[in-house]
Amino acid sequence: MQDPSEPLRPAGAVRLAERYVGACNDRDLDVMLAVQDENVVSYSARLFGRRPHRGHAGVREWWEAMVASGRWYEGVVSWVRLLASDRFALLGEIMRKAAAGDARPAHERGRPDVVPCLA
C-alpha cells in the first residue's frame, strides 16, 4: 500500500488504480474506500446517480445505487496518469456482467454494455 507520507510516483499510482478497480470487481467496498482519500472526488461512469461523487459518503451513495439496480459491472484499467504527488487519474472501461444465475451462453445474452469511466 502507498505510504501517505511519501509522494506518489507513477508505479504507485498504477498499483493504487489496479487495487481500486480490483476491489470494485471483487465487490469489496471497504477496500475501495481504503484506497481512496476521505476527500476523494470521483467521476465514475454515469451509470448511477449524479457526478461527481464527493468523499467516502458520495462513493457509498454511488455503490448503494449500483447494488440497488441489480446490475453488476467489471472494470478494466486502460490508462493511469499521475497528476500531482498526491493524485492520479484513472481511465478504464466498465463491462456489464450477466445477472447472477443467468446460465445462458454469452452469445445468447447479447453484447455487454461497455462504458468508458474516469475515476
PDB file of N, CA and C in Angstrom:
ATOM      1  N   MET A   1       0.851  -1.187   0.000  1.00  0.00           N
ATOM      2  CA  MET A   1       0.000   0.000   0.000  1.00  0.00           C
ATOM      3  C   MET A   1       0.884   1.234   0.000  1.00  0.00           C
ATOM      4  N   GLN A   2       0.422   2.271  -0.646  1.00  0.00           N
ATOM      5  CA  GLN A   2       1.147   3.536  -0.739  1.00  0.00           C
ATOM      6  C   GLN A   2       1.220   4.184   0.637  1.00  0.00           C
ATOM      7  N   ASP A   3       2.436   4.586   1.043  1.00  0.00           N
ATOM      8  CA  ASP A   3       2.629   5.317   2.297  1.00  0.00           C
ATOM      9  C   ASP A   3       2.161   6.754   2.064  1.00  0.00           C
ATOM     10  N   PRO A   4       1.123   7.222   2.775  1.00  0.00           N
ATOM     11  CA  PRO A   4       0.590   8.569   2.532  1.00  0.00           C
ATOM     12  C   PRO A   4       1.598   9.687   2.800  1.00  0.00           C
ATOM     13  N   SER A   5       2.653   9.400   3.565  1.00  0.00           N
ATOM     14  CA  SER A   5       3.653  10.435   3.843  1.00  0.00           C
ATOM     15  C   SER A   5       4.660  10.560   2.701  1.00  0.00           C
ATOM     16  N   GLU A   6       4.676   9.625   1.785  1.00  0.00           N
ATOM     17  CA  GLU A   6       5.593   9.638   0.641  1.00  0.00           C
ATOM     18  C   GLU A   6       4.880  10.204  -0.588  1.00  0.00           C
ATOM     19  N   PRO A   7       5.613  10.935  -1.436  1.00  0.00           N
ATOM     20  CA  PRO A   7       4.978  11.408  -2.680  1.00  0.00           C
ATOM     21  C   PRO A   7       4.626  10.229  -3.582  1.00  0.00           C
ATOM     22  N   LEU A   8       3.528  10.354  -4.274  1.00  0.00           N
ATOM     23  CA  LEU A   8       3.077   9.308  -5.190  1.00  0.00           C
ATOM     24  C   LEU A   8       3.943   9.336  -6.443  1.00  0.00           C
ATOM     25  N   ARG A   9       4.346   8.166  -6.904  1.00  0.00           N
ATOM     26  CA  ARG A   9       5.127   8.026  -8.135  1.00  0.00           C
ATOM     27  C   ARG A   9       4.280   7.258  -9.148  1.00  0.00           C
ATOM     28  N   PRO A  10       4.637   7.301 -10.430  1.00  0.00           N
ATOM     29  CA  PRO A  10       3.815   6.630 -11.451  1.00  0.00           C
ATOM     30  C   PRO A  10       3.515   5.162 -11.158  1.00  0.00           C
ATOM     31  N   ALA A  11       4.514   4.397 -10.749  1.00  0.00           N
ATOM     32  CA  ALA A  11       4.271   2.971 -10.467  1.00  0.00           C
ATOM     33  C   ALA A  11       3.313   2.797  -9.298  1.00  0.00           C
ATOM     34  N   GLY A  12       3.413   3.668  -8.292  1.00  0.00           N
ATOM     35  CA  GLY A  12       2.497   3.606  -7.157  1.00  0.00           C
ATOM     36  C   GLY A  12       1.074   3.957  -7.568  1.00  0.00           C
ATOM     37  N   ALA A  13       0.939   4.917  -8.478  1.00  0.00           N
ATOM     38  CA  ALA A  13      -0.390   5.292  -8.978  1.00  0.00           C
ATOM     39  C   ALA A  13      -1.034   4.116  -9.705  1.00  0.00           C
ATOM     40  N   VAL A  14      -0.248   3.400 -10.503  1.00  0.00           N
ATOM     41  CA  VAL A  14      -0.769   2.234 -11.219  1.00  0.00           C
ATOM     42  C   VAL A  14      -1.221   1.165 -10.224  1.00  0.00           C
ATOM     43  N   ARG A  15      -0.412   0.913  -9.201  1.00  0.00           N
ATOM     44  CA  ARG A  15      -0.788  -0.095  -8.187  1.00  0.00           C
ATOM     45  C   ARG A  15      -2.085   0.304  -7.476  1.00  0.00           C
ATOM     46  N   LEU A  16      -2.204   1.578  -7.103  1.00  0.00           N
ATOM     47  CA  LEU A  16      -3.432   2.036  -6.437  1.00  0.00           C
ATOM     48  C   LEU A  16      -4.642   1.903  -7.356  1.00  0.00           C
ATOM     49  N   ALA A  17      -4.479   2.278  -8.620  1.00  0.00           N
ATOM     50  CA  ALA A  17      -5.586   2.171  -9.581  1.00  0.00           C
ATOM     51  C   ALA A  17      -6.017   0.722  -9.749  1.00  0.00           C
ATOM     52  N   GLU A  18      -5.051  -0.171  -9.879  1.00  0.00           N
ATOM     53  CA  GLU A  18      -5.374  -1.596 -10.034  1.00  0.00           C
ATOM     54  C   GLU A  18      -6.033  -2.151  -8.781  1.00  0.00           C
ATOM     55  N   ARG A  19      -5.580  -1.709  -7.618  1.00  0.00           N
ATOM     56  CA  ARG A  19      -6.195  -2.169  -6.361  1.00  0.00           C
ATOM     57  C   ARG A  19      -7.637  -1.666  -6.251  1.00  0.00           C
ATOM     58  N   TYR A  20      -7.858  -0.412  -6.629  1.00  0.00           N
ATOM     59  CA  TYR A  20      -9.195   0.171  -6.596  1.00  0.00           C
ATOM     60  C   TYR A  20     -10.143  -0.589  -7.521  1.00  0.00           C
ATOM     61  N   VAL A  21      -9.744  -0.783  -8.757  1.00  0.00           N
ATOM     62  CA  VAL A  21     -10.593  -1.479  -9.728  1.00  0.00           C
ATOM     63  C   VAL A  21     -10.781  -2.939  -9.312  1.00  0.00           C
ATOM     64  N   GLY A  22      -9.721  -3.578  -8.818  1.00  0.00           N
ATOM     65  CA  GLY A  22      -9.841  -4.954  -8.339  1.00  0.00           C
ATOM     66  C   GLY A  22     -10.834  -5.074  -7.196  1.00  0.00           C
ATOM     67  N   ALA A  23     -10.820  -4.111  -6.272  1.00  0.00           N
ATOM     68  CA  ALA A  23     -11.761  -4.125  -5.151  1.00  0.00           C
ATOM     69  C   ALA A  23     -13.189  -3.949  -5.657  1.00  0.00           C
ATOM     70  N   CYS A  24     -13.365  -3.083  -6.631  1.00  0.00           N
ATOM     71  CA  CYS A  24     -14.702  -2.891  -7.211  1.00  0.00           C
ATOM     72  C   CYS A  24     -15.169  -4.187  -7.879  1.00  0.00           C
ATOM     73  N   ASN A  25     -14.290  -4.815  -8.650  1.00  0.00           N
ATOM     74  CA  ASN A  25     -14.639  -6.072  -9.320  1.00  0.00           C
ATOM     75  C   ASN A  25     -14.940  -7.186  -8.319  1.00  0.00           C
ATOM     76  N   ASP A  26     -14.255  -7.144  -7.160  1.00  0.00           N
ATOM     77  CA  ASP A  26     -14.476  -8.149  -6.110  1.00  0.00           C
ATOM     78  C   ASP A  26     -15.655  -7.790  -5.210  1.00  0.00           C
ATOM     79  N   ARG A  27     -16.311  -6.654  -5.475  1.00  0.00           N
ATOM     80  CA  ARG A  27     -17.445  -6.159  -4.684  1.00  0.00           C
ATOM     81  C   ARG A  27     -17.044  -5.897  -3.235  1.00  0.00           C
ATOM     82  N   ASP A  28     -15.865  -5.290  -3.063  1.00  0.00           N
ATOM     83  CA  ASP A  28     -15.330  -5.026  -1.729  1.00  0.00           C
ATOM     84  C   ASP A  28     -15.255  -3.515  -1.495  1.00  0.00           C
ATOM     85  N   LEU A  29     -16.358  -2.943  -1.067  1.00  0.00           N
ATOM     86  CA  LEU A  29     -16.447  -1.509  -0.851  1.00  0.00           C
ATOM     87  C   LEU A  29     -15.434  -1.037   0.182  1.00  0.00           C
ATOM     88  N   ASP A  30     -15.195  -1.813   1.225  1.00  0.00           N
ATOM     89  CA  ASP A  30     -14.251  -1.399   2.269  1.00  0.00           C
ATOM     90  C   ASP A  30     -12.856  -1.179   1.703  1.00  0.00           C
ATOM     91  N   VAL A  31     -12.391  -2.070   0.840  1.00  0.00           N
ATOM     92  CA  VAL A  31     -11.063  -1.908   0.229  1.00  0.00           C
ATOM     93  C   VAL A  31     -11.067  -0.716  -0.727  1.00  0.00           C
ATOM     94  N   MET A  32     -12.152  -0.551  -1.495  1.00  0.00           N
ATOM     95  CA  MET A  32     -12.240   0.611  -2.392  1.00  0.00           C
ATOM     96  C   MET A  32     -12.069   1.903  -1.604  1.00  0.00           C
ATOM     97  N   LEU A  33     -12.772   2.001  -0.483  1.00  0.00           N
ATOM     98  CA  LEU A  33     -12.697   3.214   0.329  1.00  0.00           C
ATOM     99  C   LEU A  33     -11.320   3.361   0.977  1.00  0.00           C
ATOM    100  N   ALA A  34     -10.695   2.264   1.364  1.00  0.00           N
ATOM    101  CA  ALA A  34      -9.372   2.322   1.995  1.00  0.00           C
ATOM    102  C   ALA A  34      -8.321   2.866   1.032  1.00  0.00           C
ATOM    103  N   VAL A  35      -8.494   2.617  -0.251  1.00  0.00           N
ATOM    104  CA  VAL A  35      -7.552   3.087  -1.263  1.00  0.00           C
ATOM    105  C   VAL A  35      -7.741   4.577  -1.541  1.00  0.00           C
ATOM    106  N   GLN A  36      -8.931   5.094  -1.295  1.00  0.00           N
ATOM    107  CA  GLN A  36      -9.251   6.486  -1.609  1.00  0.00           C
ATOM    108  C   GLN A  36      -9.053   7.399  -0.406  1.00  0.00           C
ATOM    109  N   ASP A  37      -8.656   8.624  -0.688  1.00  0.00           N
ATOM    110  CA  ASP A  37      -8.598   9.657   0.328  1.00  0.00           C
ATOM    111  C   ASP A  37     -10.026   9.946   0.795  1.00  0.00           C
ATOM    112  N   GLU A  38     -10.189  10.331   2.045  1.00  0.00           N
ATOM    113  CA  GLU A  38     -11.535  10.632   2.573  1.00  0.00           C
ATOM    114  C   GLU A  38     -12.217  11.759   1.808  1.00  0.00           C
ATOM    115  N   ASN A  39     -11.445  12.617   1.166  1.00  0.00           N
ATOM    116  CA  ASN A  39     -11.998  13.753   0.426  1.00  0.00           C
ATOM    117  C   ASN A  39     -11.956  13.537  -1.087  1.00  0.00           C
ATOM    118  N   VAL A  40     -11.953  12.298  -1.500  1.00  0.00           N
ATOM    119  CA  VAL A  40     -11.880  11.968  -2.927  1.00  0.00           C
ATOM    120  C   VAL A  40     -12.996  12.659  -3.711  1.00  0.00           C
ATOM    121  N   VAL A  41     -12.684  13.025  -4.939  1.00  0.00           N
ATOM    122  CA  VAL A  41     -13.695  13.494  -5.881  1.00  0.00           C
ATOM    123  C   VAL A  41     -13.619  12.517  -7.050  1.00  0.00           C
ATOM    124  N   SER A  42     -14.668  11.722  -7.215  1.00  0.00           N
ATOM    125  CA  SER A  42     -14.676  10.652  -8.204  1.00  0.00           C
ATOM    126  C   SER A  42     -15.668  10.954  -9.319  1.00  0.00           C
ATOM    127  N   TYR A  43     -15.208  10.801 -10.549  1.00  0.00           N
ATOM    128  CA  TYR A  43     -16.053  10.985 -11.729  1.00  0.00           C
ATOM    129  C   TYR A  43     -16.301   9.620 -12.350  1.00  0.00           C
ATOM    130  N   SER A  44     -16.936   8.748 -11.614  1.00  0.00           N
ATOM    131  CA  SER A  44     -17.230   7.398 -12.093  1.00  0.00           C
ATOM    132  C   SER A  44     -18.190   7.450 -13.271  1.00  0.00           C
ATOM    133  N   ALA A  45     -18.295   6.330 -13.957  1.00  0.00           N
ATOM    134  CA  ALA A  45     -19.199   6.239 -15.111  1.00  0.00           C
ATOM    135  C   ALA A  45     -20.599   6.699 -14.723  1.00  0.00           C
ATOM    136  N   ARG A  46     -21.289   7.311 -15.649  1.00  0.00           N
ATOM    137  CA  ARG A  46     -22.630   7.863 -15.395  1.00  0.00           C
ATOM    138  C   ARG A  46     -23.687   6.771 -15.422  1.00  0.00           C
ATOM    139  N   LEU A  47     -23.513   5.788 -14.617  1.00  0.00           N
ATOM    140  CA  LEU A  47     -24.465   4.682 -14.578  1.00  0.00           C
ATOM    141  C   LEU A  47     -25.476   4.852 -13.453  1.00  0.00           C
ATOM    142  N   PHE A  48     -25.040   5.468 -12.366  1.00  0.00           N
ATOM    143  CA  PHE A  48     -25.879   5.551 -11.179  1.00  0.00           C
ATOM    144  C   PHE A  48     -25.735   6.916 -10.535  1.00  0.00           C
ATOM    145  N   GLY A  49     -26.758   7.731 -10.631  1.00  0.00           N
ATOM    146  CA  GLY A  49     -26.799   8.980  -9.895  1.00  0.00           C
ATOM    147  C   GLY A  49     -25.946  10.096 -10.459  1.00  0.00           C
ATOM    148  N   ARG A  50     -25.795  11.095  -9.645  1.00  0.00           N
ATOM    149  CA  ARG A  50     -25.108  12.320 -10.033  1.00  0.00           C
ATOM    150  C   ARG A  50     -23.588  12.138 -10.089  1.00  0.00           C
ATOM    151  N   ARG A  51     -22.918  13.100 -10.691  1.00  0.00           N
ATOM    152  CA  ARG A  51     -21.466  13.149 -10.724  1.00  0.00           C
ATOM    153  C   ARG A  51     -21.050  14.564 -10.389  1.00  0.00           C
ATOM    154  N   PRO A  52     -19.938  14.813  -9.814  1.00  0.00           N
ATOM    155  CA  PRO A  52     -19.010  13.845  -9.263  1.00  0.00           C
ATOM    156  C   PRO A  52     -19.498  13.308  -7.916  1.00  0.00           C
ATOM    157  N   HIS A  53     -18.826  12.271  -7.461  1.00  0.00           N
ATOM    158  CA  HIS A  53     -19.100  11.690  -6.152  1.00  0.00           C
ATOM    159  C   HIS A  53     -18.033  12.257  -5.213  1.00  0.00           C
ATOM    160  N   ARG A  54     -18.468  12.923  -4.158  1.00  0.00           N
ATOM    161  CA  ARG A  54     -17.526  13.608  -3.261  1.00  0.00           C
ATOM    162  C   ARG A  54     -17.398  12.881  -1.936  1.00  0.00           C
ATOM    163  N   GLY A  55     -16.153  12.582  -1.598  1.00  0.00           N
ATOM    164  CA  GLY A  55     -15.850  11.947  -0.327  1.00  0.00           C
ATOM    165  C   GLY A  55     -16.334  10.502  -0.264  1.00  0.00           C
ATOM    166  N   HIS A  56     -16.014   9.855   0.832  1.00  0.00           N
ATOM    167  CA  HIS A  56     -16.444   8.466   1.014  1.00  0.00           C
ATOM    168  C   HIS A  56     -17.961   8.355   1.008  1.00  0.00           C
ATOM    169  N   ALA A  57     -18.652   9.381   1.511  1.00  0.00           N
ATOM    170  CA  ALA A  57     -20.120   9.342   1.521  1.00  0.00           C
ATOM    171  C   ALA A  57     -20.659   9.305   0.091  1.00  0.00           C
ATOM    172  N   GLY A  58     -20.072  10.077  -0.812  1.00  0.00           N
ATOM    173  CA  GLY A  58     -20.502  10.072  -2.203  1.00  0.00           C
ATOM    174  C   GLY A  58     -20.232   8.748  -2.892  1.00  0.00           C
ATOM    175  N   VAL A  59     -19.086   8.136  -2.576  1.00  0.00           N
ATOM    176  CA  VAL A  59     -18.764   6.826  -3.154  1.00  0.00           C
ATOM    177  C   VAL A  59     -19.741   5.774  -2.622  1.00  0.00           C
ATOM    178  N   ARG A  60     -20.076   5.851  -1.346  1.00  0.00           N
ATOM    179  CA  ARG A  60     -21.066   4.916  -0.776  1.00  0.00           C
ATOM    180  C   ARG A  60     -22.427   5.075  -1.454  1.00  0.00           C
ATOM    181  N   GLU A  61     -22.828   6.322  -1.704  1.00  0.00           N
ATOM    182  CA  GLU A  61     -24.094   6.593  -2.396  1.00  0.00           C
ATOM    183  C   GLU A  61     -24.113   5.925  -3.766  1.00  0.00           C
ATOM    184  N   TRP A  62     -23.018   6.111  -4.520  1.00  0.00           N
ATOM    185  CA  TRP A  62     -22.881   5.507  -5.849  1.00  0.00           C
ATOM    186  C   TRP A  62     -22.957   3.987  -5.735  1.00  0.00           C
ATOM    187  N   TRP A  63     -22.252   3.409  -4.752  1.00  0.00           N
ATOM    188  CA  TRP A  63     -22.227   1.966  -4.543  1.00  0.00           C
ATOM    189  C   TRP A  63     -23.631   1.444  -4.241  1.00  0.00           C
ATOM    190  N   GLU A  64     -24.324   2.113  -3.339  1.00  0.00           N
ATOM    191  CA  GLU A  64     -25.673   1.679  -2.964  1.00  0.00           C
ATOM    192  C   GLU A  64     -26.627   1.733  -4.154  1.00  0.00           C
ATOM    193  N   ALA A  65     -26.488   2.741  -5.008  1.00  0.00           N
ATOM    194  CA  ALA A  65     -27.330   2.834  -6.203  1.00  0.00           C
ATOM    195  C   ALA A  65     -27.029   1.685  -7.161  1.00  0.00           C
ATOM    196  N   MET A  66     -25.749   1.314  -7.286  1.00  0.00           N
ATOM    197  CA  MET A  66     -25.381   0.196  -8.158  1.00  0.00           C
ATOM    198  C   MET A  66     -25.968  -1.109  -7.617  1.00  0.00           C
ATOM    199  N   VAL A  67     -25.819  -1.336  -6.331  1.00  0.00           N
ATOM    200  CA  VAL A  67     -26.350  -2.561  -5.722  1.00  0.00           C
ATOM    201  C   VAL A  67     -27.871  -2.612  -5.891  1.00  0.00           C
ATOM    202  N   ALA A  68     -28.538  -1.495  -5.646  1.00  0.00           N
ATOM    203  CA  ALA A  68     -29.999  -1.453  -5.752  1.00  0.00           C
ATOM    204  C   ALA A  68     -30.482  -1.722  -7.181  1.00  0.00           C
ATOM    205  N   SER A  69     -29.672  -1.368  -8.173  1.00  0.00           N
ATOM    206  CA  SER A  69     -30.072  -1.556  -9.570  1.00  0.00           C
ATOM    207  C   SER A  69     -30.087  -3.026  -9.981  1.00  0.00           C
ATOM    208  N   GLY A  70     -29.317  -3.859  -9.259  1.00  0.00           N
ATOM    209  CA  GLY A  70     -29.216  -5.271  -9.627  1.00  0.00           C
ATOM    210  C   GLY A  70     -28.282  -5.524 -10.793  1.00  0.00           C
ATOM    211  N   ARG A  71     -27.670  -4.476 -11.348  1.00  0.00           N
ATOM    212  CA  ARG A  71     -26.717  -4.631 -12.451  1.00  0.00           C
ATOM    213  C   ARG A  71     -25.305  -4.644 -11.887  1.00  0.00           C
ATOM    214  N   TRP A  72     -24.477  -5.515 -12.418  1.00  0.00           N
ATOM    215  CA  TRP A  72     -23.089  -5.602 -11.962  1.00  0.00           C
ATOM    216  C   TRP A  72     -22.157  -5.387 -13.132  1.00  0.00           C
ATOM    217  N   TYR A  73     -21.066  -4.715 -12.860  1.00  0.00           N
ATOM    218  CA  TYR A  73     -20.102  -4.355 -13.885  1.00  0.00           C
ATOM    219  C   TYR A  73     -18.707  -4.807 -13.481  1.00  0.00           C
ATOM    220  N   GLU A  74     -17.883  -5.010 -14.461  1.00  0.00           N
ATOM    221  CA  GLU A  74     -16.473  -5.364 -14.251  1.00  0.00           C
ATOM    222  C   GLU A  74     -15.636  -4.278 -14.912  1.00  0.00           C
ATOM    223  N   GLY A  75     -14.678  -3.736 -14.175  1.00  0.00           N
ATOM    224  CA  GLY A  75     -13.832  -2.671 -14.703  1.00  0.00           C
ATOM    225  C   GLY A  75     -12.475  -3.191 -15.143  1.00  0.00           C
ATOM    226  N   VAL A  76     -11.888  -2.476 -16.092  1.00  0.00           N
ATOM    227  CA  VAL A  76     -10.544  -2.774 -16.589  1.00  0.00           C
ATOM    228  C   VAL A  76      -9.783  -1.453 -16.656  1.00  0.00           C
ATOM    229  N   VAL A  77      -8.572  -1.436 -16.106  1.00  0.00           N
ATOM    230  CA  VAL A  77      -7.731  -0.240 -16.159  1.00  0.00           C
ATOM    231  C   VAL A  77      -7.136  -0.127 -17.559  1.00  0.00           C
ATOM    232  N   SER A  78      -7.356   1.021 -18.202  1.00  0.00           N
ATOM    233  CA  SER A  78      -6.783   1.264 -19.529  1.00  0.00           C
ATOM    234  C   SER A  78      -5.591   2.213 -19.472  1.00  0.00           C
ATOM    235  N   TRP A  79      -5.653   3.165 -18.554  1.00  0.00           N
ATOM    236  CA  TRP A  79      -4.662   4.237 -18.535  1.00  0.00           C
ATOM    237  C   TRP A  79      -4.643   4.869 -17.158  1.00  0.00           C
ATOM    238  N   VAL A  80      -3.452   5.160 -16.645  1.00  0.00           N
ATOM    239  CA  VAL A  80      -3.298   5.851 -15.361  1.00  0.00           C
ATOM    240  C   VAL A  80      -2.300   6.982 -15.576  1.00  0.00           C
ATOM    241  N   ARG A  81      -2.661   8.173 -15.138  1.00  0.00           N
ATOM    242  CA  ARG A  81      -1.743   9.310 -15.252  1.00  0.00           C
ATOM    243  C   ARG A  81      -1.580   9.953 -13.889  1.00  0.00           C
ATOM    244  N   LEU A  82      -0.331  10.153 -13.504  1.00  0.00           N
ATOM    245  CA  LEU A  82      -0.021  10.857 -12.269  1.00  0.00           C
ATOM    246  C   LEU A  82      -0.261  12.347 -12.511  1.00  0.00           C
ATOM    247  N   LEU A  83      -1.140  12.960 -11.729  1.00  0.00           N
ATOM    248  CA  LEU A  83      -1.476  14.372 -11.897  1.00  0.00           C
ATOM    249  C   LEU A  83      -0.666  15.271 -10.971  1.00  0.00           C
ATOM    250  N   ALA A  84      -0.366  14.775  -9.795  1.00  0.00           N
ATOM    251  CA  ALA A  84       0.409  15.507  -8.792  1.00  0.00           C
ATOM    252  C   ALA A  84       0.975  14.469  -7.831  1.00  0.00           C
ATOM    253  N   SER A  85       1.739  14.916  -6.854  1.00  0.00           N
ATOM    254  CA  SER A  85       2.358  13.965  -5.932  1.00  0.00           C
ATOM    255  C   SER A  85       1.343  13.287  -5.019  1.00  0.00           C
ATOM    256  N   ASP A  86       0.083  13.746  -5.071  1.00  0.00           N
ATOM    257  CA  ASP A  86      -0.942  13.162  -4.206  1.00  0.00           C
ATOM    258  C   ASP A  86      -2.210  12.768  -4.944  1.00  0.00           C
ATOM    259  N   ARG A  87      -2.186  12.751  -6.300  1.00  0.00           N
ATOM    260  CA  ARG A  87      -3.400  12.354  -7.026  1.00  0.00           C
ATOM    261  C   ARG A  87      -3.067  11.832  -8.419  1.00  0.00           C
ATOM    262  N   PHE A  88      -4.007  11.000  -8.907  1.00  0.00           N
ATOM    263  CA  PHE A  88      -3.857  10.448 -10.242  1.00  0.00           C
ATOM    264  C   PHE A  88      -5.223  10.342 -10.900  1.00  0.00           C
ATOM    265  N   ALA A  89      -5.212  10.172 -12.213  1.00  0.00           N
ATOM    266  CA  ALA A  89      -6.445   9.949 -12.979  1.00  0.00           C
ATOM    267  C   ALA A  89      -6.404   8.527 -13.511  1.00  0.00           C
ATOM    268  N   LEU A  90      -7.545   7.883 -13.490  1.00  0.00           N
ATOM    269  CA  LEU A  90      -7.697   6.514 -13.976  1.00  0.00           C
ATOM    270  C   LEU A  90      -8.734   6.525 -15.084  1.00  0.00           C
ATOM    271  N   LEU A  91      -8.392   5.995 -16.220  1.00  0.00           N
ATOM    272  CA  LEU A  91      -9.326   5.840 -17.316  1.00  0.00           C
ATOM    273  C   LEU A  91      -9.460   4.346 -17.574  1.00  0.00           C
ATOM    274  N   GLY A  92     -10.671   3.890 -17.732  1.00  0.00           N
ATOM    275  CA  GLY A  92     -10.883   2.465 -17.953  1.00  0.00           C
ATOM    276  C   GLY A  92     -12.182   2.205 -18.666  1.00  0.00           C
ATOM    277  N   GLU A  93     -12.510   0.954 -18.752  1.00  0.00           N
ATOM    278  CA  GLU A  93     -13.779   0.528 -19.336  1.00  0.00           C
ATOM    279  C   GLU A  93     -14.530  -0.284 -18.303  1.00  0.00           C
ATOM    280  N   ILE A  94     -15.834  -0.183 -18.358  1.00  0.00           N
ATOM    281  CA  ILE A  94     -16.695  -0.970 -17.482  1.00  0.00           C
ATOM    282  C   ILE A  94     -17.583  -1.815 -18.376  1.00  0.00           C
ATOM    283  N   MET A  95     -17.583  -3.115 -18.126  1.00  0.00           N
ATOM    284  CA  MET A  95     -18.427  -4.023 -18.904  1.00  0.00           C
ATOM    285  C   MET A  95     -19.480  -4.612 -17.995  1.00  0.00           C
ATOM    286  N   ARG A  96     -20.707  -4.626 -18.484  1.00  0.00           N
ATOM    287  CA  ARG A  96     -21.806  -5.188 -17.708  1.00  0.00           C
ATOM    288  C   ARG A  96     -21.674  -6.696 -17.652  1.00  0.00           C
ATOM    289  N   LYS A  97     -21.807  -7.226 -16.455  1.00  0.00           N
ATOM    290  CA  LYS A  97     -21.743  -8.673 -16.266  1.00  0.00           C
ATOM    291  C   LYS A  97     -23.151  -9.249 -16.328  1.00  0.00           C
ATOM    292  N   ALA A  98     -23.228 -10.531 -16.658  1.00  0.00           N
ATOM    293  CA  ALA A  98     -24.523 -11.216 -16.682  1.00  0.00           C
ATOM    294  C   ALA A  98     -25.100 -11.251 -15.277  1.00  0.00           C
ATOM    295  N   ALA A  99     -26.385 -11.254 -15.195  1.00  0.00           N
ATOM    296  CA  ALA A  99     -27.060 -11.349 -13.898  1.00  0.00           C
ATOM    297  C   ALA A  99     -26.733 -12.684 -13.246  1.00  0.00           C
ATOM    298  N   ALA A 100     -26.634 -12.683 -11.961  1.00  0.00           N
ATOM    299  CA  ALA A 100     -26.373 -13.925 -11.238  1.00  0.00           C
ATOM    300  C   ALA A 100     -27.447 -14.945 -11.572  1.00  0.00           C
ATOM    301  N   GLY A 101     -27.044 -16.147 -11.843  1.00  0.00           N
ATOM    302  CA  GLY A 101     -27.987 -17.212 -12.145  1.00  0.00           C
ATOM    303  C   GLY A 101     -28.381 -17.291 -13.611  1.00  0.00           C
ATOM    304  N   ASP A 102     -27.884 -16.376 -14.454  1.00  0.00           N
ATOM    305  CA  ASP A 102     -28.195 -16.414 -15.887  1.00  0.00           C
ATOM    306  C   ASP A 102     -27.264 -17.421 -16.542  1.00  0.00           C
ATOM    307  N   ALA A 103     -27.775 -18.595 -16.819  1.00  0.00           N
ATOM    308  CA  ALA A 103     -26.949 -19.684 -17.333  1.00  0.00           C
ATOM    309  C   ALA A 103     -26.840 -19.690 -18.850  1.00  0.00           C
ATOM    310  N   ARG A 104     -27.493 -18.734 -19.528  1.00  0.00           N
ATOM    311  CA  ARG A 104     -27.420 -18.716 -20.991  1.00  0.00           C
ATOM    312  C   ARG A 104     -25.992 -18.442 -21.446  1.00  0.00           C
ATOM    313  N   PRO A 105     -25.586 -19.027 -22.568  1.00  0.00           N
ATOM    314  CA  PRO A 105     -24.261 -18.716 -23.114  1.00  0.00           C
ATOM    315  C   PRO A 105     -24.156 -17.233 -23.463  1.00  0.00           C
ATOM    316  N   ALA A 106     -22.942 -16.715 -23.478  1.00  0.00           N
ATOM    317  CA  ALA A 106     -22.715 -15.288 -23.720  1.00  0.00           C
ATOM    318  C   ALA A 106     -23.365 -14.821 -25.010  1.00  0.00           C
ATOM    319  N   HIS A 107     -23.283 -15.615 -26.081  1.00  0.00           N
ATOM    320  CA  HIS A 107     -23.837 -15.169 -27.362  1.00  0.00           C
ATOM    321  C   HIS A 107     -25.361 -15.038 -27.319  1.00  0.00           C
ATOM    322  N   GLU A 108     -26.025 -15.688 -26.369  1.00  0.00           N
ATOM    323  CA  GLU A 108     -27.474 -15.569 -26.230  1.00  0.00           C
ATOM    324  C   GLU A 108     -27.863 -14.389 -25.342  1.00  0.00           C
ATOM    325  N   ARG A 109     -26.933 -13.918 -24.523  1.00  0.00           N
ATOM    326  CA  ARG A 109     -27.221 -12.789 -23.635  1.00  0.00           C
ATOM    327  C   ARG A 109     -27.034 -11.459 -24.344  1.00  0.00           C
ATOM    328  N   GLY A 110     -26.391 -11.459 -25.495  1.00  0.00           N
ATOM    329  CA  GLY A 110     -26.138 -10.216 -26.225  1.00  0.00           C
ATOM    330  C   GLY A 110     -24.848  -9.558 -25.768  1.00  0.00           C
ATOM    331  N   ARG A 111     -24.457  -8.525 -26.479  1.00  0.00           N
ATOM    332  CA  ARG A 111     -23.207  -7.806 -26.189  1.00  0.00           C
ATOM    333  C   ARG A 111     -23.333  -7.073 -24.851  1.00  0.00           C
ATOM    334  N   PRO A 112     -22.313  -7.196 -23.989  1.00  0.00           N
ATOM    335  CA  PRO A 112     -22.376  -6.460 -22.721  1.00  0.00           C
ATOM    336  C   PRO A 112     -22.249  -4.963 -22.956  1.00  0.00           C
ATOM    337  N   ASP A 113     -22.799  -4.190 -22.038  1.00  0.00           N
ATOM    338  CA  ASP A 113     -22.625  -2.748 -22.112  1.00  0.00           C
ATOM    339  C   ASP A 113     -21.149  -2.441 -21.854  1.00  0.00           C
ATOM    340  N   VAL A 114     -20.554  -1.586 -22.641  1.00  0.00           N
ATOM    341  CA  VAL A 114     -19.195  -1.122 -22.402  1.00  0.00           C
ATOM    342  C   VAL A 114     -19.282   0.374 -22.211  1.00  0.00           C
ATOM    343  N   VAL A 115     -18.818   0.828 -21.061  1.00  0.00           N
ATOM    344  CA  VAL A 115     -18.958   2.232 -20.703  1.00  0.00           C
ATOM    345  C   VAL A 115     -17.582   2.774 -20.315  1.00  0.00           C
ATOM    346  N   PRO A 116     -17.105   3.851 -20.964  1.00  0.00           N
ATOM    347  CA  PRO A 116     -15.843   4.441 -20.514  1.00  0.00           C
ATOM    348  C   PRO A 116     -16.054   5.106 -19.155  1.00  0.00           C
ATOM    349  N   CYS A 117     -15.052   5.048 -18.306  1.00  0.00           N
ATOM    350  CA  CYS A 117     -15.204   5.683 -16.996  1.00  0.00           C
ATOM    351  C   CYS A 117     -13.934   6.423 -16.619  1.00  0.00           C
ATOM    352  N   LEU A 118     -14.088   7.409 -15.793  1.00  0.00           N
ATOM    353  CA  LEU A 118     -12.968   8.150 -15.244  1.00  0.00           C
ATOM    354  C   LEU A 118     -13.207   8.223 -13.750  1.00  0.00           C
ATOM    355  N   ALA A 119     -12.260   7.726 -12.983  1.00  0.00           N
ATOM    356  CA  ALA A 119     -12.406   7.746 -11.526  1.00  0.00           C
ATOM    357  C   ALA A 119     -11.406   8.690 -10.922  1.00  0.00           C
TER     358      ALA A 119
END
